Structure formats: structure tokens, C-alpha cells
C-alpha atoms as a PDB file:
ATOM      1  CA  UNK A   1       5.332 -16.015 -99.046  1.00  0.00           C
ATOM      2  CA  UNK A   2       9.037 -16.868 -98.836  1.00  0.00           C
ATOM      3  CA  UNK A   3      10.492 -19.179-101.480  1.00  0.00           C
ATOM      4  CA  UNK A   4      13.383 -21.462-100.615  1.00  0.00           C
ATOM      5  CA  UNK A   5      15.780 -23.416-102.791  1.00  0.00           C
ATOM      6  CA  UNK A   6      14.907 -27.028-103.521  1.00  0.00           C
ATOM      7  CA  UNK A   7      17.617 -29.526-102.578  1.00  0.00           C
ATOM      8  CA  UNK A   8      19.445 -31.622-105.145  1.00  0.00           C
ATOM      9  CA  UNK A   9      17.787 -34.819-103.914  1.00  0.00           C
ATOM     10  CA  UNK A  10      14.333 -33.350-104.467  1.00  0.00           C
ATOM     11  CA  UNK A  11      15.267 -32.207-107.963  1.00  0.00           C
ATOM     12  CA  UNK A  12      16.517 -35.712-108.709  1.00  0.00           C
ATOM     13  CA  UNK A  13      13.264 -37.256-107.498  1.00  0.00           C
ATOM     14  CA  UNK A  14      11.162 -34.810-109.492  1.00  0.00           C
ATOM     15  CA  UNK A  15      13.239 -35.453-112.568  1.00  0.00           C
ATOM     16  CA  UNK A  16      12.620 -39.178-112.117  1.00  0.00           C
ATOM     17  CA  UNK A  17       8.873 -38.632-111.851  1.00  0.00           C
ATOM     18  CA  UNK A  18       8.679 -36.265-114.786  1.00  0.00           C
ATOM     19  CA  UNK A  19       7.057 -33.584-112.622  1.00  0.00           C
ATOM     20  CA  UNK A  20       8.339 -29.998-112.738  1.00  0.00           C
ATOM     21  CA  UNK A  21      10.250 -28.743-109.703  1.00  0.00           C
ATOM     22  CA  UNK A  22       7.841 -26.539-107.729  1.00  0.00           C
ATOM     23  CA  UNK A  23       8.378 -23.786-105.184  1.00  0.00           C
ATOM     24  CA  UNK A  24       8.011 -24.546-101.492  1.00  0.00           C
ATOM     25  CA  UNK A  25       5.822 -22.666 -99.014  1.00  0.00           C
ATOM     26  CA  UNK A  26       8.844 -21.790 -96.867  1.00  0.00           C
ATOM     27  CA  UNK A  27       7.586 -24.123 -94.111  1.00  0.00           C
ATOM     28  CA  UNK A  28       8.706 -27.638 -93.276  1.00  0.00           C
ATOM     29  CA  UNK A  29       6.968 -30.705 -91.895  1.00  0.00           C
ATOM     30  CA  UNK A  30       8.847 -30.433 -88.604  1.00  0.00           C
ATOM     31  CA  UNK A  31       7.214 -27.070 -87.834  1.00  0.00           C
ATOM     32  CA  UNK A  32       3.757 -28.632 -88.149  1.00  0.00           C
ATOM     33  CA  UNK A  33       4.120 -32.189 -86.859  1.00  0.00           C
ATOM     34  CA  UNK A  34       6.722 -31.358 -84.155  1.00  0.00           C
ATOM     35  CA  UNK A  35       8.308 -34.692 -85.037  1.00  0.00           C
ATOM     36  CA  UNK A  36      11.688 -33.733 -83.555  1.00  0.00           C
ATOM     37  CA  UNK A  37      10.326 -32.637 -80.151  1.00  0.00           C
ATOM     38  CA  UNK A  38       8.985 -34.509 -77.144  1.00  0.00           C
ATOM     39  CA  UNK A  39       5.548 -33.161 -77.983  1.00  0.00           C
ATOM     40  CA  UNK A  40       2.058 -34.453 -77.306  1.00  0.00           C
ATOM     41  CA  UNK A  41      -1.604 -33.590 -77.599  1.00  0.00           C
ATOM     42  CA  UNK A  42      -5.152 -34.708 -76.877  1.00  0.00           C
ATOM     43  CA  UNK A  43      -8.133 -34.652 -79.203  1.00  0.00           C
ATOM     44  CA  UNK A  44     -11.777 -34.711 -78.217  1.00  0.00           C
ATOM     45  CA  UNK A  45     -14.985 -36.041 -79.759  1.00  0.00           C
ATOM     46  CA  UNK A  46     -18.566 -35.880 -78.476  1.00  0.00           C
ATOM     47  CA  UNK A  47     -17.534 -33.772 -75.494  1.00  0.00           C
ATOM     48  CA  UNK A  48     -14.863 -36.137 -74.111  1.00  0.00           C
ATOM     49  CA  UNK A  49     -11.281 -37.197 -74.693  1.00  0.00           C
ATOM     50  CA  UNK A  50     -11.080 -39.427 -77.757  1.00  0.00           C
ATOM     51  CA  UNK A  51      -7.333 -40.071 -77.796  1.00  0.00           C
ATOM     52  CA  UNK A  52      -3.804 -38.866 -77.263  1.00  0.00           C
ATOM     53  CA  UNK A  53      -0.575 -38.816 -79.283  1.00  0.00           C
ATOM     54  CA  UNK A  54       3.065 -38.233 -78.374  1.00  0.00           C
ATOM     55  CA  UNK A  55       6.325 -38.004 -80.309  1.00  0.00           C
ATOM     56  CA  UNK A  56       9.452 -39.623 -78.833  1.00  0.00           C
ATOM     57  CA  UNK A  57      12.622 -38.637 -80.749  1.00  0.00           C
ATOM     58  CA  UNK A  58      15.044 -41.574 -80.915  1.00  0.00           C
ATOM     59  CA  UNK A  59      17.912 -39.822 -82.730  1.00  0.00           C
ATOM     60  CA  UNK A  60      18.606 -36.739 -84.837  1.00  0.00           C
ATOM     61  CA  UNK A  61      16.753 -38.346 -87.771  1.00  0.00           C
ATOM     62  CA  UNK A  62      14.351 -40.855 -86.203  1.00  0.00           C
ATOM     63  CA  UNK A  63      11.224 -40.397 -84.113  1.00  0.00           C
ATOM     64  CA  UNK A  64       8.377 -42.592 -82.930  1.00  0.00           C
ATOM     65  CA  UNK A  65       4.788 -41.474 -82.483  1.00  0.00           C
ATOM     66  CA  UNK A  66       2.375 -43.292 -80.188  1.00  0.00           C
ATOM     67  CA  UNK A  67      -1.419 -43.072 -80.348  1.00  0.00           C
ATOM     68  CA  UNK A  68      -3.741 -44.337 -77.632  1.00  0.00           C
ATOM     69  CA  UNK A  69      -6.063 -43.844 -74.674  1.00  0.00           C
ATOM     70  CA  UNK A  70      -4.589 -41.485 -72.032  1.00  0.00           C
ATOM     71  CA  UNK A  71      -6.185 -43.635 -69.305  1.00  0.00           C
ATOM     72  CA  UNK A  72      -3.961 -46.575 -70.272  1.00  0.00           C
ATOM     73  CA  UNK A  73      -0.866 -44.612 -71.343  1.00  0.00           C
ATOM     74  CA  UNK A  74       1.654 -45.507 -72.617  1.00  0.00           C
ATOM     75  CA  UNK A  75       0.190 -47.659 -75.408  1.00  0.00           C
ATOM     76  CA  UNK A  76       2.024 -50.604 -76.977  1.00  0.00           C
ATOM     77  CA  UNK A  77       1.632 -49.021 -80.439  1.00  0.00           C
ATOM     78  CA  UNK A  78       4.162 -46.719 -82.081  1.00  0.00           C
ATOM     79  CA  UNK A  79       4.973 -45.672 -85.662  1.00  0.00           C
ATOM     80  CA  UNK A  80       8.626 -45.205 -86.613  1.00  0.00           C
ATOM     81  CA  UNK A  81       9.470 -42.304 -88.944  1.00  0.00           C
ATOM     82  CA  UNK A  82      12.900 -41.432 -90.339  1.00  0.00           C
ATOM     83  CA  UNK A  83      13.964 -38.205 -92.005  1.00  0.00           C
ATOM     84  CA  UNK A  84      15.916 -39.110 -95.135  1.00  0.00           C
ATOM     85  CA  UNK A  85      17.066 -35.977 -96.960  1.00  0.00           C
ATOM     86  CA  UNK A  86      14.054 -34.217 -98.463  1.00  0.00           C
ATOM     87  CA  UNK A  87      11.605 -36.854 -97.223  1.00  0.00           C
ATOM     88  CA  UNK A  88      10.131 -38.281 -94.051  1.00  0.00           C
ATOM     89  CA  UNK A  89       9.870 -42.052 -94.503  1.00  0.00           C
ATOM     90  CA  UNK A  90       7.756 -44.611 -92.649  1.00  0.00           C
ATOM     91  CA  UNK A  91       9.792 -47.666 -91.614  1.00  0.00           C
ATOM     92  CA  UNK A  92       6.960 -49.505 -89.833  1.00  0.00           C
ATOM     93  CA  UNK A  93       5.290 -49.745 -86.446  1.00  0.00           C
ATOM     94  CA  UNK A  94       5.273 -51.731 -83.232  1.00  0.00           C
ATOM     95  CA  UNK A  95       2.180 -53.347 -81.763  1.00  0.00           C
ATOM     96  CA  UNK A  96       0.866 -56.693 -80.462  1.00  0.00           C
ATOM     97  CA  UNK A  97       4.294 -57.378 -78.993  1.00  0.00           C
ATOM     98  CA  UNK A  98       6.092 -57.288 -82.334  1.00  0.00           C
ATOM     99  CA  UNK A  99       7.300 -54.973 -85.106  1.00  0.00           C
ATOM    100  CA  UNK A 100       5.683 -54.612 -88.526  1.00  0.00           C
ATOM    101  CA  UNK A 101       8.393 -53.723 -91.055  1.00  0.00           C
ATOM    102  CA  UNK A 102       6.994 -51.774 -94.012  1.00  0.00           C
ATOM    103  CA  UNK A 103       8.613 -51.983 -97.436  1.00  0.00           C
ATOM    104  CA  UNK A 104       7.273 -50.701-100.737  1.00  0.00           C
ATOM    105  CA  UNK A 105       7.197 -52.449-104.078  1.00  0.00           C
ATOM    106  CA  UNK A 106       5.988 -49.376-105.972  1.00  0.00           C
ATOM    107  CA  UNK A 107       5.560 -45.672-105.206  1.00  0.00           C
ATOM    108  CA  UNK A 108       4.096 -42.950-107.401  1.00  0.00           C
ATOM    109  CA  UNK A 109       3.895 -39.168-107.100  1.00  0.00           C
ATOM    110  CA  UNK A 110       1.480 -36.846-108.873  1.00  0.00           C
ATOM    111  CA  UNK A 111      -0.497 -33.643-108.601  1.00  0.00           C
ATOM    112  CA  UNK A 112      -3.178 -32.828-106.036  1.00  0.00           C
ATOM    113  CA  UNK A 113      -5.820 -34.652-108.110  1.00  0.00           C
ATOM    114  CA  UNK A 114      -3.692 -37.821-108.187  1.00  0.00           C
ATOM    115  CA  UNK A 115      -3.149 -37.299-111.900  1.00  0.00           C
ATOM    116  CA  UNK A 116       0.123 -37.192-113.892  1.00  0.00           C
ATOM    117  CA  UNK A 117       1.425 -40.023-111.722  1.00  0.00           C
ATOM    118  CA  UNK A 118       4.994 -41.222-112.164  1.00  0.00           C
ATOM    119  CA  UNK A 119       6.774 -44.107-110.440  1.00  0.00           C
ATOM    120  CA  UNK A 120       9.785 -42.970-108.400  1.00  0.00           C
ATOM    121  CA  UNK A 121      10.601 -45.897-106.074  1.00  0.00           C
ATOM    122  CA  UNK A 122      10.246 -49.694-106.072  1.00  0.00           C
ATOM    123  CA  UNK A 123      11.911 -50.643-102.773  1.00  0.00           C
ATOM    124  CA  UNK A 124      12.688 -49.410 -99.270  1.00  0.00           C
ATOM    125  CA  UNK A 125      10.546 -47.727 -96.604  1.00  0.00           C
ATOM    126  CA  UNK A 126       7.580 -45.598 -97.665  1.00  0.00           C
ATOM    127  CA  UNK A 127       8.142 -41.987 -98.714  1.00  0.00           C
ATOM    128  CA  UNK A 128       5.464 -40.616 -96.392  1.00  0.00           C
ATOM    129  CA  UNK A 129       5.670 -36.828 -96.731  1.00  0.00           C
ATOM    130  CA  UNK A 130       8.018 -34.193 -98.144  1.00  0.00           C
ATOM    131  CA  UNK A 131      10.055 -32.338 -95.530  1.00  0.00           C
ATOM    132  CA  UNK A 132       9.882 -28.963 -97.305  1.00  0.00           C
ATOM    133  CA  UNK A 133       6.181 -28.242 -97.770  1.00  0.00           C
ATOM    134  CA  UNK A 134       5.366 -27.374-101.397  1.00  0.00           C
ATOM    135  CA  UNK A 135       3.254 -24.350-102.254  1.00  0.00           C
ATOM    136  CA  UNK A 136       0.876 -26.673-104.125  1.00  0.00           C
ATOM    137  CA  UNK A 137      -0.665 -30.001-103.185  1.00  0.00           C
ATOM    138  CA  UNK A 138       0.658 -33.382-104.249  1.00  0.00           C
ATOM    139  CA  UNK A 139      -0.426 -37.035-104.263  1.00  0.00           C
ATOM    140  CA  UNK A 140       1.528 -40.083-103.123  1.00  0.00           C
ATOM    141  CA  UNK A 141       0.559 -43.695-103.856  1.00  0.00           C
ATOM    142  CA  UNK A 142       2.367 -46.660-102.329  1.00  0.00           C
ATOM    143  CA  UNK A 143       1.989 -50.427-102.538  1.00  0.00           C
ATOM    144  CA  UNK A 144       4.034 -52.966-100.651  1.00  0.00           C
ATOM    145  CA  UNK A 145       4.256 -55.341 -97.716  1.00  0.00           C
ATOM    146  CA  UNK A 146       4.155 -55.367 -93.925  1.00  0.00           C
ATOM    147  CA  UNK A 147       6.208 -58.178 -92.406  1.00  0.00           C
ATOM    148  CA  UNK A 148       5.192 -59.265 -88.902  1.00  0.00           C
ATOM    149  CA  UNK A 149       8.644 -59.927 -87.471  1.00  0.00           C
ATOM    150  CA  UNK A 150       7.466 -62.293 -84.717  1.00  0.00           C
ATOM    151  CA  UNK A 151       5.853 -64.707 -87.177  1.00  0.00           C
ATOM    152  CA  UNK A 152       7.154 -63.832 -90.634  1.00  0.00           C
ATOM    153  CA  UNK A 153       3.600 -63.268 -91.903  1.00  0.00           C
ATOM    154  CA  UNK A 154       3.435 -60.858 -94.824  1.00  0.00           C
ATOM    155  CA  UNK A 155       0.524 -58.453 -95.227  1.00  0.00           C
ATOM    156  CA  UNK A 156       0.014 -56.596 -98.509  1.00  0.00           C
ATOM    157  CA  UNK A 157      -1.032 -52.927 -98.410  1.00  0.00           C
ATOM    158  CA  UNK A 158      -1.918 -49.923-100.548  1.00  0.00           C
ATOM    159  CA  UNK A 159      -1.801 -46.344 -99.319  1.00  0.00           C
ATOM    160  CA  UNK A 160      -2.889 -43.162-101.100  1.00  0.00           C
ATOM    161  CA  UNK A 161      -2.261 -39.696 -99.645  1.00  0.00           C
ATOM    162  CA  UNK A 162      -3.004 -36.165-100.810  1.00  0.00           C
ATOM    163  CA  UNK A 163      -1.063 -33.450 -99.008  1.00  0.00           C
ATOM    164  CA  UNK A 164      -2.402 -29.891 -99.208  1.00  0.00           C
ATOM    165  CA  UNK A 165      -0.342 -26.699 -98.650  1.00  0.00           C
ATOM    166  CA  UNK A 166      -0.638 -24.430 -95.569  1.00  0.00           C
ATOM    167  CA  UNK A 167      -4.013 -22.726 -95.064  1.00  0.00           C
ATOM    168  CA  UNK A 168      -5.901 -21.052 -92.193  1.00  0.00           C
ATOM    169  CA  UNK A 169      -7.650 -23.465 -89.826  1.00  0.00           C
ATOM    170  CA  UNK A 170      -9.650 -23.444 -86.598  1.00  0.00           C
ATOM    171  CA  UNK A 171     -11.590 -25.872 -84.454  1.00  0.00           C
ATOM    172  CA  UNK A 172     -14.106 -25.369 -81.648  1.00  0.00           C
ATOM    173  CA  UNK A 173     -11.333 -25.179 -79.029  1.00  0.00           C
ATOM    174  CA  UNK A 174      -8.475 -23.369 -80.820  1.00  0.00           C
ATOM    175  CA  UNK A 175      -8.786 -20.683 -83.483  1.00  0.00           C
ATOM    176  CA  UNK A 176      -6.506 -18.669 -85.747  1.00  0.00           C
ATOM    177  CA  UNK A 177      -4.071 -21.428 -86.744  1.00  0.00           C
ATOM    178  CA  UNK A 178      -2.329 -22.515 -89.945  1.00  0.00           C
ATOM    179  CA  UNK A 179      -2.590 -26.168 -90.991  1.00  0.00           C
ATOM    180  CA  UNK A 180      -1.512 -28.594 -93.642  1.00  0.00           C
ATOM    181  CA  UNK A 181      -4.047 -31.285 -94.548  1.00  0.00           C
ATOM    182  CA  UNK A 182      -3.439 -34.974 -95.187  1.00  0.00           C
ATOM    183  CA  UNK A 183      -6.135 -37.044 -96.875  1.00  0.00           C
ATOM    184  CA  UNK A 184      -5.383 -40.746 -96.806  1.00  0.00           C
ATOM    185  CA  UNK A 185      -6.902 -44.044 -97.852  1.00  0.00           C
ATOM    186  CA  UNK A 186      -5.397 -47.245 -96.442  1.00  0.00           C
ATOM    187  CA  UNK A 187      -5.977 -50.722 -97.902  1.00  0.00           C
ATOM    188  CA  UNK A 188      -4.597 -54.125 -96.797  1.00  0.00           C
ATOM    189  CA  UNK A 189      -5.344 -57.846 -96.723  1.00  0.00           C
ATOM    190  CA  UNK A 190      -4.868 -58.421 -92.996  1.00  0.00           C
ATOM    191  CA  UNK A 191      -7.196 -61.241 -91.975  1.00  0.00           C
ATOM    192  CA  UNK A 192      -7.015 -62.920 -95.389  1.00  0.00           C
ATOM    193  CA  UNK A 193      -3.392 -63.011 -96.474  1.00  0.00           C
ATOM    194  CA  UNK A 194      -4.226 -64.929 -99.646  1.00  0.00           C
ATOM    195  CA  UNK A 195      -6.902 -62.433-100.672  1.00  0.00           C
ATOM    196  CA  UNK A 196      -6.829 -58.990-102.291  1.00  0.00           C
ATOM    197  CA  UNK A 197      -6.293 -55.770-100.375  1.00  0.00           C
ATOM    198  CA  UNK A 198      -9.507 -54.059 -99.283  1.00  0.00           C
ATOM    199  CA  UNK A 199     -10.238 -50.547 -98.036  1.00  0.00           C
ATOM    200  CA  UNK A 200      -9.852 -50.121 -94.264  1.00  0.00           C
ATOM    201  CA  UNK A 201      -9.666 -46.337 -93.695  1.00  0.00           C
ATOM    202  CA  UNK A 202     -10.429 -42.997 -95.392  1.00  0.00           C
ATOM    203  CA  UNK A 203      -9.853 -39.765 -93.462  1.00  0.00           C
ATOM    204  CA  UNK A 204      -8.652 -36.166 -93.395  1.00  0.00           C
ATOM    205  CA  UNK A 205      -6.160 -35.004 -90.773  1.00  0.00           C
ATOM    206  CA  UNK A 206      -5.226 -31.351 -90.221  1.00  0.00           C
ATOM    207  CA  UNK A 207      -1.815 -30.730 -88.633  1.00  0.00           C
ATOM    208  CA  UNK A 208      -1.290 -27.296 -87.032  1.00  0.00           C
ATOM    209  CA  UNK A 209       1.939 -25.293 -87.259  1.00  0.00           C
ATOM    210  CA  UNK A 210       3.816 -25.048 -83.926  1.00  0.00           C
ATOM    211  CA  UNK A 211       1.228 -27.296 -82.265  1.00  0.00           C
ATOM    212  CA  UNK A 212       1.217 -30.727 -83.855  1.00  0.00           C
ATOM    213  CA  UNK A 213      -0.924 -33.637 -84.942  1.00  0.00           C
ATOM    214  CA  UNK A 214      -4.660 -34.227 -84.989  1.00  0.00           C
ATOM    215  CA  UNK A 215      -5.785 -30.585 -84.948  1.00  0.00           C
ATOM    216  CA  UNK A 216      -8.850 -31.868 -86.757  1.00  0.00           C
ATOM    217  CA  UNK A 217      -9.701 -35.404 -87.847  1.00  0.00           C
ATOM    218  CA  UNK A 218     -12.595 -36.253 -90.141  1.00  0.00           C
ATOM    219  CA  UNK A 219     -12.956 -39.977 -90.790  1.00  0.00           C
ATOM    220  CA  UNK A 220     -15.162 -41.033 -93.700  1.00  0.00           C
ATOM    221  CA  UNK A 221     -14.677 -44.835 -93.683  1.00  0.00           C
ATOM    222  CA  UNK A 222     -15.380 -47.339 -92.158  1.00  0.00           C
ATOM    223  CA  UNK A 223     -17.708 -44.938 -90.355  1.00  0.00           C
ATOM    224  CA  UNK A 224     -18.110 -41.178 -90.121  1.00  0.00           C
ATOM    225  CA  UNK A 225     -16.324 -39.752 -87.095  1.00  0.00           C
ATOM    226  CA  UNK A 226     -14.862 -36.374 -86.140  1.00  0.00           C
ATOM    227  CA  UNK A 227     -12.425 -35.203 -83.479  1.00  0.00           C
ATOM    228  CA  UNK A 228     -10.633 -31.949 -82.630  1.00  0.00           C
ATOM    229  CA  UNK A 229      -7.519 -31.110 -80.650  1.00  0.00           C
ATOM    230  CA  UNK A 230      -8.073 -29.396 -77.334  1.00  0.00           C
ATOM    231  CA  UNK A 231      -4.596 -29.335 -75.748  1.00  0.00           C
ATOM    232  CA  UNK A 232      -0.921 -29.574 -76.705  1.00  0.00           C
ATOM    233  CA  UNK A 233       2.216 -29.805 -74.538  1.00  0.00           C
ATOM    234  CA  UNK A 234       5.812 -30.970 -74.322  1.00  0.00           C
ATOM    235  CA  UNK A 235       7.015 -33.676 -71.954  1.00  0.00           C
END
């Protein structure tokens, strides 16, 4: 395992959180997600295509990923991610003919059990994932708002993620890979803007090095569902 130096920005963030600076795995998020390439893939469930994704780089630091049905491609949905130093941030997403701008009011970072949490941001886009992949897992919690730009409506959200370090992975179509795992739980109050946020999604996603997203998906809520990648390509 190769250790690499941690950048000054990461050290500053870790100092703010009170967490010790930890070694990285030597890999970065770009190698796994393929965020900077015109890359795509399909995942299958129950013996048929369940969906497709594709990255579209917009600049040296910004990329948009679309998810949808390959039969009606391209979809009108796309998430906008921006690399900002040692982080990949989530600015928002397009859909329903408008853009949903995401801004946090509080973000916390902790260990892989979501313990020892420390607040490290109270504004700006969401710190979604570290660029340099740590050798140990970590937890991110975010709360904030989604502003529907076409109407000005404001949706409140909460998002918890646990990112796990690289480990061997396989699915029924592709074996012998290395993956990082994202567990996430998403909460919002869409549909009742005056009410509290409620749980909308719990799932695991495995992201394979040199291949990309959705190598394996295991959804736990609102219903149990599984899918596995069968093909990857560039476009």
C-alpha cells in the first residue's frame, strides 16, 4: 500500500474537525468514479437493464452525471459535481425543467461508525466525498436546503454517508475488481415544505476502480432492491 502526502487544505479541515490526519490508500475518487471522463455504464436487475449512467465533464473541475432509462436517453436529470481542492462537492441537480441548488447549513465529519463527529462547514455546496481516498472509512453528515430555481421553493434535507476504503469486489457479471463503498441515507421534506424531513432512501453503492459507478447497488429503503453493473464504456 502506497502512502501519499495529505494536502494542506485537508490538514486544515481535519484540524477544524478535531480528527487526526490519516494516511490515504494511494487511490483517488477519480480513478473509481471516472468523473473526469466521458464514461458510462449500465446496471441490471432481475435479468434486464435497470438503468444507465453517464458522466459529462463540463470543465477541468466540473462534471455532470445523468441517471436514467437507456430507452429514453438522454434523461432530463443530472447531478453537478465540482472538485474543490481535496474534496468533490455537490452543487445541485437539474430535473423537471429547472435546477435545484443545494446549500448546506451544517456539515459534520467523523469515523466510520459516525462517532467523534465534528462540525467543519456551515455554508456552501455539500462536501460529498474526499478526493484522496483514506485508508480508513469516514462518515459525513450534512443538513441544508434545496432551492427550486424556477419557483423559489425551498426544500430542507439531511444526508448521511459512510465511505469505506478500497476492498476486493465482484458481481455476477464482472469479477476480480477493487471497489470503494458508499452507504447513504437521504432525508427531505419535499411534498410538505412546512413539515419535518423524513427518510426517503437508504442504500449501498459500490464503485469500481477504472470502471465507474453502480458496480453493485443494494437499496434497503423504501424497498429492498439490488442491481449490478454489466457493461462500461466511454462515449
